[in-house]
Amino acid sequence: MAEPKAAAEQAAKAVAEMSFEEALGELEAIVQKLERGQLDLESSIQAYERGTALRAHCAEKLRQVQLRVEKLTVDREGNAQLQPFEAQ
């Protein structure tokens, strides 16, 4: 089953250039195709490899955002303070 040209170009887009939303959307599409058995063996391997790269990219994007997030806390005197986000 041949992909339309636009879909093929999107699939060829460098993972590093993708936004989080683009990468997650493509990753979800790959998972659906793999779960449904819509790909032959070679295509499945390529999709899995691309999916692994997309997952790593999404994880890195989330890590970068996490580093930028600050949480608002209130001290004992009731003053608001910003503190770095701490993963639990």
Protein backbone atom coordinates (compact mmCIF):
# COMPACT_ATOMS: atom_id res chain seq x y z
CA MET A 1 0.00 0.00 0.00
CA ALA A 2 1.72 3.21 -1.17
CA GLU A 3 1.49 6.33 0.93
CA PRO A 4 0.42 9.61 -0.63
CA LYS A 5 3.33 11.92 -1.41
CA ALA A 6 2.47 14.40 1.39
CA ALA A 7 2.36 11.61 3.98
CA ALA A 8 5.68 10.23 2.74
CA GLU A 9 7.28 13.67 3.01
CA GLN A 10 5.95 14.07 6.57
CA ALA A 11 7.33 10.66 7.50
CA ALA A 12 10.72 11.66 6.10
CA LYS A 13 10.83 14.88 8.14
CA ALA A 14 13.75 14.90 10.52
CA VAL A 15 12.63 14.03 14.03
CA ALA A 16 14.78 16.81 15.50
CA GLU A 17 12.80 19.40 13.51
CA MET A 18 9.44 18.22 14.84
CA SER A 19 7.38 19.84 17.54
CA PHE A 20 6.26 17.69 20.44
CA GLU A 21 2.75 17.54 19.00
CA GLU A 22 3.95 16.49 15.54
CA ALA A 23 6.20 13.78 16.95
CA LEU A 24 3.51 12.45 19.29
CA GLY A 25 0.95 12.39 16.48
CA GLU A 26 3.24 10.44 14.20
CA LEU A 27 4.18 8.09 17.04
CA GLU A 28 0.49 7.39 17.71
CA ALA A 29 -0.07 6.66 14.01
CA ILE A 30 2.88 4.24 13.97
CA VAL A 31 1.59 2.42 17.05
CA GLN A 32 -1.84 2.03 15.45
CA LYS A 33 -0.35 0.61 12.25
CA LEU A 34 1.83 -1.82 14.20
CA GLU A 35 -1.04 -2.92 16.44
CA ARG A 36 -3.31 -3.51 13.46
CA GLY A 37 -0.67 -5.46 11.54
CA GLN A 38 -0.94 -3.09 8.59
CA LEU A 39 2.77 -3.24 7.73
CA ASP A 40 4.97 -5.94 6.27
CA LEU A 41 8.00 -7.09 8.25
CA GLU A 42 10.52 -4.65 6.78
CA SER A 43 8.13 -1.72 7.12
CA SER A 44 7.37 -2.77 10.68
CA ILE A 45 11.06 -2.71 11.57
CA GLN A 46 11.48 0.73 9.99
CA ALA A 47 8.36 2.01 11.76
CA TYR A 48 9.61 0.63 15.08
CA GLU A 49 12.97 2.35 14.63
CA ARG A 50 11.29 5.65 13.74
CA GLY A 51 8.92 5.23 16.66
CA THR A 52 11.87 4.76 19.00
CA ALA A 53 13.41 8.00 17.73
CA LEU A 54 10.08 9.82 18.08
CA ARG A 55 9.62 8.55 21.64
CA ALA A 56 13.10 9.72 22.61
CA HIS A 57 12.42 13.11 20.99
CA CYS A 58 9.15 13.51 22.90
CA ALA A 59 10.84 12.53 26.17
CA GLU A 60 13.57 15.12 25.58
CA LYS A 61 11.03 17.83 24.76
CA LEU A 62 9.19 17.05 28.00
CA ARG A 63 12.45 17.11 29.95
CA GLN A 64 13.27 20.54 28.52
CA VAL A 65 9.85 21.87 29.48
CA GLN A 66 10.15 20.36 32.94
CA LEU A 67 13.38 22.28 33.47
CA ARG A 68 11.60 25.53 32.59
CA VAL A 69 8.60 24.99 34.84
CA GLU A 70 8.55 26.73 38.15
CA LYS A 71 6.14 26.09 40.92
CA LEU A 72 4.54 28.74 43.06
CA THR A 73 4.81 28.15 46.79
CA VAL A 74 3.82 30.15 49.82
CA ASP A 75 6.23 30.61 52.71
CA ARG A 76 5.25 30.71 56.40
CA GLU A 77 4.57 34.44 56.21
CA GLY A 78 2.18 33.96 53.29
CA ASN A 79 4.55 35.38 50.66
CA ALA A 80 4.50 33.78 47.21
CA GLN A 81 7.80 32.40 45.98
CA LEU A 82 8.87 30.72 42.76
CA GLN A 83 10.90 27.55 43.09
CA PRO A 84 12.35 25.24 40.44
CA PHE A 85 10.21 22.27 39.50
CA GLU A 86 11.25 19.09 41.31
CA ALA A 87 10.32 15.77 39.75
CA GLN A 88 8.95 13.28 42.24
